[in-house]
């Protein structure tokens, strides 16, 4: 869902809120000023591809299971 809020449990920063925005051309769902966008990448590891998220505060790459949708 575009603009969906997530809670990240960063070991360094504690609880951080961020939003996910699709790359769909929809002007009604663009990040507003002050919104923090959640960045995600897939990394190749010795155990295969793993999804990682980036903490928007400290920039550390974290396991994707440290983020969950806001209730």
Protein backbone atom coordinates (compact mmCIF):
# COMPACT_ATOMS: atom_id res chain seq x y z
CA UNK A 1 0.00 0.00 0.00
CA UNK A 2 1.33 3.40 -0.91
CA UNK A 3 2.19 5.54 2.11
CA UNK A 4 1.91 2.63 4.55
CA UNK A 5 3.56 3.38 7.91
CA UNK A 6 6.14 1.01 9.41
CA UNK A 7 7.83 0.75 12.80
CA UNK A 8 11.54 -0.13 12.71
CA UNK A 9 13.29 -1.55 15.77
CA UNK A 10 16.86 -0.33 15.20
CA UNK A 11 19.42 -1.65 17.71
CA UNK A 12 21.19 1.76 17.68
CA UNK A 13 18.29 4.23 17.46
CA UNK A 14 15.41 2.40 19.10
CA UNK A 15 11.97 2.74 17.54
CA UNK A 16 11.85 4.68 14.26
CA UNK A 17 8.76 5.37 12.13
CA UNK A 18 8.97 5.34 8.32
CA UNK A 19 6.63 5.07 5.33
CA UNK A 20 6.73 2.98 2.16
CA UNK A 21 5.90 4.71 -1.13
CA UNK A 22 5.52 2.88 -4.44
CA UNK A 23 7.07 4.31 -7.57
CA UNK A 24 3.61 4.70 -9.08
CA UNK A 25 2.80 8.07 -10.63
CA UNK A 26 0.08 9.05 -8.14
CA UNK A 27 0.31 12.63 -6.93
CA UNK A 28 -2.11 11.94 -4.07
CA UNK A 29 0.42 9.62 -2.39
CA UNK A 30 3.77 11.40 -2.42
CA UNK A 31 5.97 11.79 0.63
CA UNK A 32 5.20 14.98 2.47
CA UNK A 33 7.73 17.21 4.12
CA UNK A 34 8.97 15.48 7.26
CA UNK A 35 7.97 12.00 6.05
CA UNK A 36 10.74 9.42 6.29
CA UNK A 37 10.79 6.86 3.49
CA UNK A 38 11.74 3.27 4.23
CA UNK A 39 14.52 2.02 1.94
CA UNK A 40 14.80 -1.70 1.15
CA UNK A 41 17.34 -3.70 -0.89
CA UNK A 42 18.03 -7.35 -1.57
CA UNK A 43 21.59 -8.41 -0.76
CA UNK A 44 23.37 -11.52 -2.01
CA UNK A 45 24.81 -13.48 0.92
CA UNK A 46 26.46 -16.87 1.26
CA UNK A 47 23.01 -18.22 2.22
CA UNK A 48 21.27 -16.67 -0.79
CA UNK A 49 19.44 -13.37 -1.30
CA UNK A 50 18.29 -11.56 1.85
CA UNK A 51 16.09 -8.50 2.14
CA UNK A 52 17.52 -5.63 4.20
CA UNK A 53 16.06 -2.31 5.30
CA UNK A 54 17.95 0.88 6.04
CA UNK A 55 17.41 2.75 9.29
CA UNK A 56 16.43 6.29 8.26
CA UNK A 57 18.17 7.78 11.33
CA UNK A 58 21.60 6.14 11.47
CA UNK A 59 21.78 4.58 7.98
CA UNK A 60 22.57 1.06 9.23
CA UNK A 61 21.33 -1.85 7.10
CA UNK A 62 19.12 -4.12 9.21
CA UNK A 63 17.35 -7.44 8.82
CA UNK A 64 13.92 -6.84 7.29
CA UNK A 65 12.21 -8.64 10.20
CA UNK A 66 13.04 -5.61 12.38
CA UNK A 67 10.29 -3.63 10.60
CA UNK A 68 6.56 -4.23 10.82
CA UNK A 69 3.45 -2.31 9.73
CA UNK A 70 2.14 0.23 12.20
CA UNK A 71 -1.06 -1.00 13.89
